[in-house]
Amino acid sequence: IPLVALTGDQLVRLATSVQKGQAVLITGALGSVGRAAVHTAKKIGAQ
């Protein structure tokens, strides 16, 4: 679980640097890493 969660989190925070209000497309959103990325991006306030 920590590996999956950290991978999704780092993908959004470090690789995309998406900010609140910006739109981000997350491919594979129903996979483990994808769901973690969706959660992180929503927490940031991204669309």
All heavy atoms as atom14 arrays in JSON, in Angstrom:
{
  "sequence": "IPLVALTGDQLVRLATSVQKGQAVLITGALGSVGRAAVHTAKKIGAQ",
  "atom14_mask": [
    [1, 1, 1, 1, 1, 1, 1, 1, 0, 0, 0, 0, 0, 0],
    [1, 1, 1, 1, 1, 1, 1, 0, 0, 0, 0, 0, 0, 0],
    [1, 1, 1, 1, 1, 1, 1, 1, 0, 0, 0, 0, 0, 0],
    [1, 1, 1, 1, 1, 1, 1, 0, 0, 0, 0, 0, 0, 0],
    [1, 1, 1, 1, 1, 0, 0, 0, 0, 0, 0, 0, 0, 0],
    [1, 1, 1, 1, 1, 1, 1, 1, 0, 0, 0, 0, 0, 0],
    [1, 1, 1, 1, 1, 1, 1, 0, 0, 0, 0, 0, 0, 0],
    [1, 1, 1, 1, 0, 0, 0, 0, 0, 0, 0, 0, 0, 0],
    [1, 1, 1, 1, 1, 1, 1, 1, 0, 0, 0, 0, 0, 0],
    [1, 1, 1, 1, 1, 1, 1, 1, 1, 0, 0, 0, 0, 0],
    [1, 1, 1, 1, 1, 1, 1, 1, 0, 0, 0, 0, 0, 0],
    [1, 1, 1, 1, 1, 1, 1, 0, 0, 0, 0, 0, 0, 0],
    [1, 1, 1, 1, 1, 1, 1, 1, 1, 1, 1, 0, 0, 0],
    [1, 1, 1, 1, 1, 1, 1, 1, 0, 0, 0, 0, 0, 0],
    [1, 1, 1, 1, 1, 0, 0, 0, 0, 0, 0, 0, 0, 0],
    [1, 1, 1, 1, 1, 1, 1, 0, 0, 0, 0, 0, 0, 0],
    [1, 1, 1, 1, 1, 1, 0, 0, 0, 0, 0, 0, 0, 0],
    [1, 1, 1, 1, 1, 1, 1, 0, 0, 0, 0, 0, 0, 0],
    [1, 1, 1, 1, 1, 1, 1, 1, 1, 0, 0, 0, 0, 0],
    [1, 1, 1, 1, 1, 1, 1, 1, 1, 0, 0, 0, 0, 0],
    [1, 1, 1, 1, 0, 0, 0, 0, 0, 0, 0, 0, 0, 0],
    [1, 1, 1, 1, 1, 1, 1, 1, 1, 0, 0, 0, 0, 0],
    [1, 1, 1, 1, 1, 0, 0, 0, 0, 0, 0, 0, 0, 0],
    [1, 1, 1, 1, 1, 1, 1, 0, 0, 0, 0, 0, 0, 0],
    [1, 1, 1, 1, 1, 1, 1, 1, 0, 0, 0, 0, 0, 0],
    [1, 1, 1, 1, 1, 1, 1, 1, 0, 0, 0, 0, 0, 0],
    [1, 1, 1, 1, 1, 1, 1, 0, 0, 0, 0, 0, 0, 0],
    [1, 1, 1, 1, 0, 0, 0, 0, 0, 0, 0, 0, 0, 0],
    [1, 1, 1, 1, 1, 0, 0, 0, 0, 0, 0, 0, 0, 0],
    [1, 1, 1, 1, 1, 1, 1, 1, 0, 0, 0, 0, 0, 0],
    [1, 1, 1, 1, 0, 0, 0, 0, 0, 0, 0, 0, 0, 0],
    [1, 1, 1, 1, 1, 1, 0, 0, 0, 0, 0, 0, 0, 0],
    [1, 1, 1, 1, 1, 1, 1, 0, 0, 0, 0, 0, 0, 0],
    [1, 1, 1, 1, 0, 0, 0, 0, 0, 0, 0, 0, 0, 0],
    [1, 1, 1, 1, 1, 1, 1, 1, 1, 1, 1, 0, 0, 0],
    [1, 1, 1, 1, 1, 0, 0, 0, 0, 0, 0, 0, 0, 0],
    [1, 1, 1, 1, 1, 0, 0, 0, 0, 0, 0, 0, 0, 0],
    [1, 1, 1, 1, 1, 1, 1, 0, 0, 0, 0, 0, 0, 0],
    [1, 1, 1, 1, 1, 1, 1, 1, 1, 1, 0, 0, 0, 0],
    [1, 1, 1, 1, 1, 1, 1, 0, 0, 0, 0, 0, 0, 0],
    [1, 1, 1, 1, 1, 0, 0, 0, 0, 0, 0, 0, 0, 0],
    [1, 1, 1, 1, 1, 1, 1, 1, 1, 0, 0, 0, 0, 0],
    [1, 1, 1, 1, 1, 1, 1, 1, 1, 0, 0, 0, 0, 0],
    [1, 1, 1, 1, 1, 1, 1, 1, 0, 0, 0, 0, 0, 0],
    [1, 1, 1, 1, 0, 0, 0, 0, 0, 0, 0, 0, 0, 0],
    [1, 1, 1, 1, 1, 0, 0, 0, 0, 0, 0, 0, 0, 0],
    [1, 1, 1, 1, 1, 1, 1, 1, 1, 0, 0, 0, 0, 0]
  ],
  "atom14_positions": [
    [[0.82, -1.22, 0.0], [0.0, 0.0, 0.0], [0.85, 1.27, 0.0], [0.59, 2.18, -0.8], [-1.02, -0.02, 1.15], [-2.05, -1.1, 0.89], [-1.69, 1.35, 1.32], [-2.99, -1.36, 2.05], [0.0, 0.0, 0.0], [0.0, 0.0, 0.0], [0.0, 0.0, 0.0], [0.0, 0.0, 0.0], [0.0, 0.0, 0.0], [0.0, 0.0, 0.0]],
    [[1.87, 1.39, 0.85], [2.66, 2.64, 0.81], [3.34, 2.88, -0.53], [3.41, 4.02, -0.99], [3.7, 2.44, 1.92], [3.07, 1.45, 2.84], [2.27, 0.53, 1.96], [0.0, 0.0, 0.0], [0.0, 0.0, 0.0], [0.0, 0.0, 0.0], [0.0, 0.0, 0.0], [0.0, 0.0, 0.0], [0.0, 0.0, 0.0], [0.0, 0.0, 0.0]],
    [[3.81, 1.84, -1.18], [4.46, 2.01, -2.48], [3.47, 2.56, -3.51], [3.77, 3.51, -4.24], [5.04, 0.69, -2.98], [5.65, 0.74, -4.37], [6.84, 1.69, -4.42], [6.06, -0.65, -4.82], [0.0, 0.0, 0.0], [0.0, 0.0, 0.0], [0.0, 0.0, 0.0], [0.0, 0.0, 0.0], [0.0, 0.0, 0.0], [0.0, 0.0, 0.0]],
    [[2.29, 1.99, -3.56], [1.26, 2.44, -4.5], [0.85, 3.87, -4.2], [0.78, 4.72, -5.09], [0.04, 1.49, -4.44], [-1.13, 2.06, -5.2], [0.41, 0.12, -4.97], [0.0, 0.0, 0.0], [0.0, 0.0, 0.0], [0.0, 0.0, 0.0], [0.0, 0.0, 0.0], [0.0, 0.0, 0.0], [0.0, 0.0, 0.0], [0.0, 0.0, 0.0]],
    [[0.59, 4.16, -2.93], [0.15, 5.49, -2.54], [1.21, 6.55, -2.82], [0.91, 7.63, -3.34], [-0.25, 5.51, -1.07], [0.0, 0.0, 0.0], [0.0, 0.0, 0.0], [0.0, 0.0, 0.0], [0.0, 0.0, 0.0], [0.0, 0.0, 0.0], [0.0, 0.0, 0.0], [0.0, 0.0, 0.0], [0.0, 0.0, 0.0], [0.0, 0.0, 0.0]],
    [[2.46, 6.23, -2.5], [3.53, 7.19, -2.75], [3.78, 7.4, -4.23], [4.07, 8.51, -4.67], [4.82, 6.74, -2.06], [4.84, 6.94, -0.55], [6.08, 6.28, 0.06], [4.82, 8.42, -0.21], [0.0, 0.0, 0.0], [0.0, 0.0, 0.0], [0.0, 0.0, 0.0], [0.0, 0.0, 0.0], [0.0, 0.0, 0.0], [0.0, 0.0, 0.0]],
    [[3.67, 6.34, -5.02], [3.88, 6.47, -6.45], [2.83, 7.41, -7.06], [3.16, 8.31, -7.83], [3.84, 5.1, -7.14], [4.86, 4.27, -6.57], [4.05, 5.22, -8.64], [0.0, 0.0, 0.0], [0.0, 0.0, 0.0], [0.0, 0.0, 0.0], [0.0, 0.0, 0.0], [0.0, 0.0, 0.0], [0.0, 0.0, 0.0], [0.0, 0.0, 0.0]],
    [[1.56, 7.21, -6.72], [0.5, 8.09, -7.21], [0.68, 9.52, -6.74], [0.5, 10.47, -7.51], [0.0, 0.0, 0.0], [0.0, 0.0, 0.0], [0.0, 0.0, 0.0], [0.0, 0.0, 0.0], [0.0, 0.0, 0.0], [0.0, 0.0, 0.0], [0.0, 0.0, 0.0], [0.0, 0.0, 0.0], [0.0, 0.0, 0.0], [0.0, 0.0, 0.0]],
    [[1.05, 9.68, -5.48], [1.27, 11.01, -4.92], [2.42, 11.72, -5.62], [2.3, 12.88, -6.03], [1.55, 10.89, -3.42], [1.68, 12.24, -2.75], [0.64, 12.82, -2.38], [2.82, 12.73, -2.61], [0.0, 0.0, 0.0], [0.0, 0.0, 0.0], [0.0, 0.0, 0.0], [0.0, 0.0, 0.0], [0.0, 0.0, 0.0], [0.0, 0.0, 0.0]],
    [[3.54, 11.03, -5.8], [4.7, 11.63, -6.45], [4.44, 11.92, -7.92], [4.94, 12.91, -8.46], [5.93, 10.73, -6.28], [6.42, 10.68, -4.86], [7.5, 9.66, -4.64], [7.73, 8.78, -5.46], [8.18, 9.77, -3.5], [0.0, 0.0, 0.0], [0.0, 0.0, 0.0], [0.0, 0.0, 0.0], [0.0, 0.0, 0.0], [0.0, 0.0, 0.0]],
    [[3.67, 11.08, -8.57], [3.32, 11.32, -9.96], [2.63, 12.67, -10.12], [2.94, 13.45, -11.01], [2.43, 10.19, -10.5], [1.94, 10.32, -11.93], [3.1, 10.31, -12.91], [0.96, 9.21, -12.25], [0.0, 0.0, 0.0], [0.0, 0.0, 0.0], [0.0, 0.0, 0.0], [0.0, 0.0, 0.0], [0.0, 0.0, 0.0], [0.0, 0.0, 0.0]],
    [[1.7, 12.95, -9.22], [0.95, 14.2, -9.29], [1.79, 15.38, -8.79], [1.91, 16.4, -9.47], [-0.37, 14.1, -8.51], [-1.04, 15.45, -8.37], [-1.3, 13.1, -9.18], [0.0, 0.0, 0.0], [0.0, 0.0, 0.0], [0.0, 0.0, 0.0], [0.0, 0.0, 0.0], [0.0, 0.0, 0.0], [0.0, 0.0, 0.0], [0.0, 0.0, 0.0]],
    [[2.35, 15.25, -7.62], [3.07, 16.38, -7.01], [4.39, 16.71, -7.7], [4.71, 17.88, -7.89], [3.33, 16.11, -5.53], [2.07, 16.1, -4.7], [2.4, 15.89, -3.21], [1.23, 15.62, -2.44], [0.4, 16.54, -1.97], [0.65, 17.82, -2.19], [-0.66, 16.22, -1.26], [0.0, 0.0, 0.0], [0.0, 0.0, 0.0], [0.0, 0.0, 0.0]],
    [[5.16, 15.7, -8.05], [6.49, 15.95, -8.6], [6.53, 15.96, -10.12], [7.15, 16.82, -10.73], [7.49, 14.91, -8.06], [7.62, 14.84, -6.54], [8.59, 13.75, -6.13], [8.05, 16.19, -5.97], [0.0, 0.0, 0.0], [0.0, 0.0, 0.0], [0.0, 0.0, 0.0], [0.0, 0.0, 0.0], [0.0, 0.0, 0.0], [0.0, 0.0, 0.0]],
    [[5.89, 14.99, -10.75], [5.98, 14.87, -12.21], [5.09, 15.88, -12.93], [5.47, 16.41, -13.96], [5.64, 13.45, -12.65], [0.0, 0.0, 0.0], [0.0, 0.0, 0.0], [0.0, 0.0, 0.0], [0.0, 0.0, 0.0], [0.0, 0.0, 0.0], [0.0, 0.0, 0.0], [0.0, 0.0, 0.0], [0.0, 0.0, 0.0], [0.0, 0.0, 0.0]],
    [[3.9, 16.14, -12.4], [3.0, 17.09, -13.08], [3.05, 18.48, -12.45], [2.74, 19.45, -13.12], [1.54, 16.62, -13.06], [1.01, 16.73, -11.74], [1.39, 15.21, -13.6], [0.0, 0.0, 0.0], [0.0, 0.0, 0.0], [0.0, 0.0, 0.0], [0.0, 0.0, 0.0], [0.0, 0.0, 0.0], [0.0, 0.0, 0.0], [0.0, 0.0, 0.0]],
    [[3.36, 18.57, -11.18], [3.36, 19.84, -10.44], [2.03, 20.58, -10.58], [1.98, 21.8, -10.59], [4.5, 20.75, -10.91], [5.74, 20.11, -10.72], [0.0, 0.0, 0.0], [0.0, 0.0, 0.0], [0.0, 0.0, 0.0], [0.0, 0.0, 0.0], [0.0, 0.0, 0.0], [0.0, 0.0, 0.0], [0.0, 0.0, 0.0], [0.0, 0.0, 0.0]],
    [[0.95, 19.83, -10.69], [-0.37, 20.42, -10.86], [-0.74, 21.23, -9.61], [-0.36, 20.87, -8.49], [-1.43, 19.34, -11.18], [-1.71, 18.45, -10.0], [-2.72, 19.97, -11.68], [0.0, 0.0, 0.0], [0.0, 0.0, 0.0], [0.0, 0.0, 0.0], [0.0, 0.0, 0.0], [0.0, 0.0, 0.0], [0.0, 0.0, 0.0], [0.0, 0.0, 0.0]],
    [[-1.44, 22.33, -9.84], [-1.82, 23.24, -8.77], [-3.34, 23.32, -8.64], [-4.07, 22.91, -9.54], [-1.27, 24.64, -9.04], [0.24, 24.69, -9.19], [0.96, 24.35, -7.91], [0.61, 24.85, -6.84], [1.95, 23.48, -7.99], [0.0, 0.0, 0.0], [0.0, 0.0, 0.0], [0.0, 0.0, 0.0], [0.0, 0.0, 0.0], [0.0, 0.0, 0.0]],
    [[-3.79, 23.89, -7.55], [-5.21, 24.08, -7.3], [-5.85, 24.81, -8.48], [-5.31, 25.81, -8.97], [-5.42, 24.88, -6.02], [-6.87, 25.1, -5.66], [-7.0, 25.84, -4.35], [-8.47, 26.01, -4.0], [-8.64, 26.63, -2.68], [0.0, 0.0, 0.0], [0.0, 0.0, 0.0], [0.0, 0.0, 0.0], [0.0, 0.0, 0.0], [0.0, 0.0, 0.0]],
    [[-6.99, 24.28, -8.96], [-7.73, 24.9, -10.04], [-7.29, 24.47, -11.43], [-8.01, 24.71, -12.4], [0.0, 0.0, 0.0], [0.0, 0.0, 0.0], [0.0, 0.0, 0.0], [0.0, 0.0, 0.0], [0.0, 0.0, 0.0], [0.0, 0.0, 0.0], [0.0, 0.0, 0.0], [0.0, 0.0, 0.0], [0.0, 0.0, 0.0], [0.0, 0.0, 0.0]],
    [[-6.14, 23.84, -11.56], [-5.68, 23.37, -12.86], [-6.36, 22.05, -13.22], [-6.78, 21.3, -12.33], [-4.17, 23.18, -12.88], [-3.39, 24.47, -12.81], [-1.9, 24.24, -12.91], [-1.36, 23.3, -12.34], [-1.23, 25.12, -13.65], [0.0, 0.0, 0.0], [0.0, 0.0, 0.0], [0.0, 0.0, 0.0], [0.0, 0.0, 0.0], [0.0, 0.0, 0.0]],
    [[-6.42, 21.77, -14.51], [-7.02, 20.52, -14.99], [-5.91, 19.5, -15.24], [-4.92, 19.81, -15.89], [-7.8, 20.76, -16.27], [0.0, 0.0, 0.0], [0.0, 0.0, 0.0], [0.0, 0.0, 0.0], [0.0, 0.0, 0.0], [0.0, 0.0, 0.0], [0.0, 0.0, 0.0], [0.0, 0.0, 0.0], [0.0, 0.0, 0.0], [0.0, 0.0, 0.0]],
    [[-6.11, 18.29, -14.72], [-5.14, 17.21, -14.92], [-5.88, 15.96, -15.39], [-6.91, 15.58, -14.83], [-4.34, 16.93, -13.62], [-5.22, 16.53, -12.46], [-3.28, 15.86, -13.87], [0.0, 0.0, 0.0], [0.0, 0.0, 0.0], [0.0, 0.0, 0.0], [0.0, 0.0, 0.0], [0.0, 0.0, 0.0], [0.0, 0.0, 0.0], [0.0, 0.0, 0.0]],
    [[-5.34, 15.35, -16.43], [-5.84, 14.07, -16.92], [-5.01, 12.98, -16.28], [-3.78, 13.0, -16.36], [-5.71, 14.0, -18.45], [-5.97, 12.62, -19.08], [-7.4, 12.19, -18.88], [-5.6, 12.65, -20.57], [0.0, 0.0, 0.0], [0.0, 0.0, 0.0], [0.0, 0.0, 0.0], [0.0, 0.0, 0.0], [0.0, 0.0, 0.0], [0.0, 0.0, 0.0]],
    [[-5.67, 12.04, -15.62], [-4.98, 10.9, -15.03], [-5.42, 9.65, -15.76], [-6.57, 9.22, -15.65], [-5.27, 10.79, -13.51], [-4.81, 12.07, -12.81], [-4.61, 9.54, -12.94], [-5.1, 12.13, -11.33], [0.0, 0.0, 0.0], [0.0, 0.0, 0.0], [0.0, 0.0, 0.0], [0.0, 0.0, 0.0], [0.0, 0.0, 0.0], [0.0, 0.0, 0.0]],
    [[-4.5, 9.1, -16.57], [-4.83, 7.88, -17.31], [-4.71, 6.69, -16.37], [-3.93, 6.7, -15.43], [-3.89, 7.69, -18.52], [-2.55, 7.5, -18.05], [-3.97, 8.87, -19.46], [0.0, 0.0, 0.0], [0.0, 0.0, 0.0], [0.0, 0.0, 0.0], [0.0, 0.0, 0.0], [0.0, 0.0, 0.0], [0.0, 0.0, 0.0], [0.0, 0.0, 0.0]],
    [[-5.51, 5.66, -16.63], [-5.5, 4.49, -15.75], [-6.03, 4.82, -14.37], [-5.58, 4.28, -13.37], [0.0, 0.0, 0.0], [0.0, 0.0, 0.0], [0.0, 0.0, 0.0], [0.0, 0.0, 0.0], [0.0, 0.0, 0.0], [0.0, 0.0, 0.0], [0.0, 0.0, 0.0], [0.0, 0.0, 0.0], [0.0, 0.0, 0.0], [0.0, 0.0, 0.0]],
    [[-7.0, 5.72, -14.31], [-7.49, 6.25, -13.04], [-8.13, 5.19, -12.15], [-8.3, 5.41, -10.95], [-8.48, 7.38, -13.28], [0.0, 0.0, 0.0], [0.0, 0.0, 0.0], [0.0, 0.0, 0.0], [0.0, 0.0, 0.0], [0.0, 0.0, 0.0], [0.0, 0.0, 0.0], [0.0, 0.0, 0.0], [0.0, 0.0, 0.0], [0.0, 0.0, 0.0]],
    [[-8.51, 4.05, -12.7], [-9.13, 3.01, -11.88], [-8.12, 1.98, -11.35], [-8.47, 1.12, -10.57], [-10.22, 2.28, -12.68], [-11.46, 3.13, -12.96], [-12.42, 2.39, -13.89], [-12.17, 3.5, -11.66], [0.0, 0.0, 0.0], [0.0, 0.0, 0.0], [0.0, 0.0, 0.0], [0.0, 0.0, 0.0], [0.0, 0.0, 0.0], [0.0, 0.0, 0.0]],
    [[-6.87, 2.11, -11.77], [-5.83, 1.23, -11.24], [-5.37, 1.7, -9.87], [-5.76, 2.78, -9.4], [0.0, 0.0, 0.0], [0.0, 0.0, 0.0], [0.0, 0.0, 0.0], [0.0, 0.0, 0.0], [0.0, 0.0, 0.0], [0.0, 0.0, 0.0], [0.0, 0.0, 0.0], [0.0, 0.0, 0.0], [0.0, 0.0, 0.0], [0.0, 0.0, 0.0]],
    [[-4.52, 0.93, -9.24], [-4.06, 1.28, -7.89], [-3.31, 2.61, -7.85], [-3.64, 3.49, -7.06], [-3.15, 0.16, -7.35], [-3.85, -1.04, -7.28], [0.0, 0.0, 0.0], [0.0, 0.0, 0.0], [0.0, 0.0, 0.0], [0.0, 0.0, 0.0], [0.0, 0.0, 0.0], [0.0, 0.0, 0.0], [0.0, 0.0, 0.0], [0.0, 0.0, 0.0]],
    [[-2.31, 2.76, -8.7], [-1.56, 4.02, -8.73], [-2.45, 5.15, -9.24], [-2.4, 6.27, -8.72], [-0.29, 3.87, -9.6], [0.4, 5.21, -9.8], [0.67, 2.86, -8.97], [0.0, 0.0, 0.0], [0.0, 0.0, 0.0], [0.0, 0.0, 0.0], [0.0, 0.0, 0.0], [0.0, 0.0, 0.0], [0.0, 0.0, 0.0], [0.0, 0.0, 0.0]],
    [[-3.28, 4.87, -10.22], [-4.19, 5.87, -10.75], [-5.14, 6.41, -9.69], [-5.36, 7.62, -9.6], [0.0, 0.0, 0.0], [0.0, 0.0, 0.0], [0.0, 0.0, 0.0], [0.0, 0.0, 0.0], [0.0, 0.0, 0.0], [0.0, 0.0, 0.0], [0.0, 0.0, 0.0], [0.0, 0.0, 0.0], [0.0, 0.0, 0.0], [0.0, 0.0, 0.0]],
    [[-5.7, 5.52, -8.89], [-6.61, 5.96, -7.82], [-5.87, 6.82, -6.8], [-6.42, 7.81, -6.32], [-7.25, 4.76, -7.12], [-8.34, 4.1, -7.95], [-8.89, 2.86, -7.22], [-9.8, 2.14, -8.05], [-11.13, 2.24, -7.98], [-11.68, 3.06, -7.11], [-11.89, 1.53, -8.79], [0.0, 0.0, 0.0], [0.0, 0.0, 0.0], [0.0, 0.0, 0.0]],
    [[-4.64, 6.43, -6.48], [-3.85, 7.24, -5.55], [-3.57, 8.61, -6.15], [-3.64, 9.63, -5.45], [-2.54, 6.52, -5.21], [0.0, 0.0, 0.0], [0.0, 0.0, 0.0], [0.0, 0.0, 0.0], [0.0, 0.0, 0.0], [0.0, 0.0, 0.0], [0.0, 0.0, 0.0], [0.0, 0.0, 0.0], [0.0, 0.0, 0.0], [0.0, 0.0, 0.0]],
    [[-3.28, 8.67, -7.45], [-3.04, 9.94, -8.13], [-4.31, 10.8, -8.13], [-4.24, 12.01, -7.91], [-2.55, 9.69, -9.55], [0.0, 0.0, 0.0], [0.0, 0.0, 0.0], [0.0, 0.0, 0.0], [0.0, 0.0, 0.0], [0.0, 0.0, 0.0], [0.0, 0.0, 0.0], [0.0, 0.0, 0.0], [0.0, 0.0, 0.0], [0.0, 0.0, 0.0]],
    [[-5.45, 10.17, -8.4], [-6.73, 10.9, -8.36], [-6.94, 11.51, -6.98], [-7.29, 12.69, -6.84], [-7.92, 9.97, -8.73], [-9.25, 10.61, -8.37], [-7.88, 9.62, -10.21], [0.0, 0.0, 0.0], [0.0, 0.0, 0.0], [0.0, 0.0, 0.0], [0.0, 0.0, 0.0], [0.0, 0.0, 0.0], [0.0, 0.0, 0.0], [0.0, 0.0, 0.0]],
    [[-6.71, 10.73, -5.95], [-6.9, 11.2, -4.58], [-6.0, 12.41, -4.3], [-6.45, 13.43, -3.76], [-6.62, 10.08, -3.59], [-6.69, 10.51, -2.16], [-7.88, 10.73, -1.51], [-5.71, 10.8, -1.27], [-7.64, 11.12, -0.27], [-6.34, 11.17, -0.11], [0.0, 0.0, 0.0], [0.0, 0.0, 0.0], [0.0, 0.0, 0.0], [0.0, 0.0, 0.0]],
    [[-4.73, 12.31, -4.68], [-3.79, 13.4, -4.43], [-4.2, 14.65, -5.2], [-4.2, 15.75, -4.65], [-2.36, 12.99, -4.82], [-1.95, 11.91, -3.97], [-1.38, 14.14, -4.66], [0.0, 0.0, 0.0], [0.0, 0.0, 0.0], [0.0, 0.0, 0.0], [0.0, 0.0, 0.0], [0.0, 0.0, 0.0], [0.0, 0.0, 0.0], [0.0, 0.0, 0.0]],
    [[-4.52, 14.5, -6.47], [-4.89, 15.66, -7.29], [-6.15, 16.34, -6.74], [-6.23, 17.57, -6.71], [-5.1, 15.23, -8.74], [0.0, 0.0, 0.0], [0.0, 0.0, 0.0], [0.0, 0.0, 0.0], [0.0, 0.0, 0.0], [0.0, 0.0, 0.0], [0.0, 0.0, 0.0], [0.0, 0.0, 0.0], [0.0, 0.0, 0.0], [0.0, 0.0, 0.0]],
    [[-7.13, 15.55, -6.32], [-8.34, 16.12, -5.73], [-8.01, 16.85, -4.44], [-8.55, 17.92, -4.15], [-9.39, 15.03, -5.51], [-10.03, 14.56, -6.8], [-10.96, 13.38, -6.61], [-12.06, 13.65, -5.63], [-13.01, 12.51, -5.53], [0.0, 0.0, 0.0], [0.0, 0.0, 0.0], [0.0, 0.0, 0.0], [0.0, 0.0, 0.0], [0.0, 0.0, 0.0]],
    [[-7.11, 16.28, -3.65], [-6.72, 16.9, -2.38], [-6.04, 18.25, -2.63], [-6.24, 19.19, -1.88], [-5.78, 15.97, -1.62], [-5.44, 16.42, -0.24], [-4.63, 15.36, 0.49], [-4.31, 15.82, 1.88], [-3.52, 14.83, 2.62], [0.0, 0.0, 0.0], [0.0, 0.0, 0.0], [0.0, 0.0, 0.0], [0.0, 0.0, 0.0], [0.0, 0.0, 0.0]],
    [[-5.27, 18.34, -3.71], [-4.61, 19.59, -4.08], [-5.65, 20.62, -4.52], [-5.46, 21.82, -4.36], [-3.58, 19.35, -5.2], [-2.38, 18.58, -4.63], [-3.14, 20.64, -5.88], [-1.41, 18.09, -5.69], [0.0, 0.0, 0.0], [0.0, 0.0, 0.0], [0.0, 0.0, 0.0], [0.0, 0.0, 0.0], [0.0, 0.0, 0.0], [0.0, 0.0, 0.0]],
    [[-6.77, 20.14, -5.07], [-7.81, 21.04, -5.56], [-7.82, 21.15, -7.08], [-8.41, 22.07, -7.63], [0.0, 0.0, 0.0], [0.0, 0.0, 0.0], [0.0, 0.0, 0.0], [0.0, 0.0, 0.0], [0.0, 0.0, 0.0], [0.0, 0.0, 0.0], [0.0, 0.0, 0.0], [0.0, 0.0, 0.0], [0.0, 0.0, 0.0], [0.0, 0.0, 0.0]],
    [[-7.17, 20.2, -7.74], [-7.14, 20.19, -9.2], [-8.47, 19.65, -9.74], [-9.19, 18.93, -9.04], [-5.99, 19.32, -9.7], [0.0, 0.0, 0.0], [0.0, 0.0, 0.0], [0.0, 0.0, 0.0], [0.0, 0.0, 0.0], [0.0, 0.0, 0.0], [0.0, 0.0, 0.0], [0.0, 0.0, 0.0], [0.0, 0.0, 0.0], [0.0, 0.0, 0.0]],
    [[-8.76, 20.01, -10.98], [-9.92, 19.45, -11.68], [-9.44, 18.17, -12.34], [-8.67, 18.21, -13.31], [-10.45, 20.43, -12.72], [-10.99, 21.69, -12.12], [-11.45, 22.67, -13.19], [-11.07, 22.58, -14.34], [-12.28, 23.61, -12.79], [0.0, 0.0, 0.0], [0.0, 0.0, 0.0], [0.0, 0.0, 0.0], [0.0, 0.0, 0.0], [0.0, 0.0, 0.0]]
  ]
}
